[in-house]
Amino acid sequence: MPALTVDCVIFGMDSSSDLKVLLIQRGHEPYKDHWALPGGFVDMEEDLENAALRELEEETGVKDVFIEQLYTF
């Protein structure tokens, strides 16, 4: 059965106006303890935007943010 995933790229600025990207440290294999973009699998009957928002909140605690789908691969 095919699996569909989403990843989120969240940009921000720090107090010195340097551009930052939000990363998580993976808790599971593959690549356990490596840095990664927040994301994960899309649930059945879930659209991509809701999956992205759910994964972002589950992995980072970030919610109520504007998101925009840029690409689908």
Protein backbone atom coordinates (compact mmCIF):
# COMPACT_ATOMS: atom_id res chain seq x y z
CA MET A 1 0.00 0.00 0.00
CA PRO A 2 1.45 3.43 -0.91
CA ALA A 3 2.30 5.85 1.90
CA LEU A 4 1.97 9.62 1.63
CA THR A 5 3.99 12.00 3.81
CA VAL A 6 4.17 15.74 4.44
CA ASP A 7 7.07 17.89 5.63
CA CYS A 8 6.91 21.45 6.94
CA VAL A 9 9.49 24.18 6.38
CA ILE A 10 8.98 26.91 8.98
CA PHE A 11 11.02 30.10 8.62
CA GLY A 12 11.52 32.71 11.33
CA MET A 13 13.80 35.56 12.33
CA ASP A 14 15.71 35.88 15.58
CA SER A 15 16.36 39.11 17.47
CA SER A 16 19.33 39.95 15.22
CA SER A 17 17.18 39.45 12.08
CA ASP A 18 19.00 36.24 11.12
CA LEU A 19 16.84 33.78 9.17
CA LYS A 20 16.14 30.53 11.03
CA VAL A 21 14.55 27.21 10.00
CA LEU A 22 12.67 25.04 12.51
CA LEU A 23 14.11 21.51 12.78
CA ILE A 24 13.38 18.52 15.00
CA GLN A 25 15.73 15.84 16.22
CA ARG A 26 14.41 12.46 15.02
CA GLY A 27 13.40 10.10 17.80
CA HIS A 28 13.15 6.93 15.71
CA GLU A 29 15.07 5.04 13.07
CA PRO A 30 15.94 5.62 10.35
CA TYR A 31 18.27 8.50 11.17
CA LYS A 32 17.52 8.52 14.90
CA ASP A 33 18.98 11.64 16.59
CA HIS A 34 19.61 13.40 13.26
CA TRP A 35 18.09 16.80 12.45
CA ALA A 36 15.04 16.82 10.16
CA LEU A 37 12.10 18.89 9.02
CA PRO A 38 8.93 18.25 11.04
CA GLY A 39 6.53 15.97 9.19
CA GLY A 40 5.11 12.51 8.91
CA PHE A 41 2.51 10.26 7.38
CA VAL A 42 -0.88 11.46 6.15
CA ASP A 43 -3.77 9.57 7.77
CA MET A 44 -6.48 7.98 5.64
CA GLU A 45 -9.23 10.50 4.80
CA GLU A 46 -6.95 13.40 5.89
CA ASP A 47 -6.09 16.22 3.50
CA LEU A 48 -2.51 17.45 3.11
CA GLU A 49 -3.00 20.75 4.94
CA ASN A 50 -4.56 19.12 8.01
CA ALA A 51 -1.84 16.46 8.02
CA ALA A 52 0.88 19.13 7.90
CA LEU A 53 -0.71 21.13 10.72
CA ARG A 54 -1.21 18.00 12.83
CA GLU A 55 2.36 16.78 12.37
CA LEU A 56 3.77 20.24 13.07
CA GLU A 57 1.86 20.49 16.35
CA GLU A 58 2.65 16.89 17.39
CA GLU A 59 6.37 17.26 16.78
CA THR A 60 7.02 20.88 17.80
CA GLY A 61 4.00 22.22 19.72
CA VAL A 62 3.62 24.96 17.08
CA LYS A 63 0.01 25.63 16.10
CA ASP A 64 -2.22 28.32 14.63
CA VAL A 65 0.29 29.26 11.90
CA PHE A 66 -0.23 30.16 8.27
CA ILE A 67 0.90 27.41 5.92
CA GLU A 68 1.01 27.26 2.15
CA GLN A 69 1.58 24.22 -0.02
CA LEU A 70 4.48 24.97 -2.34
CA TYR A 71 5.17 21.66 -4.07
CA THR A 72 3.88 18.13 -4.37
CA PHE A 73 6.29 15.38 -5.38
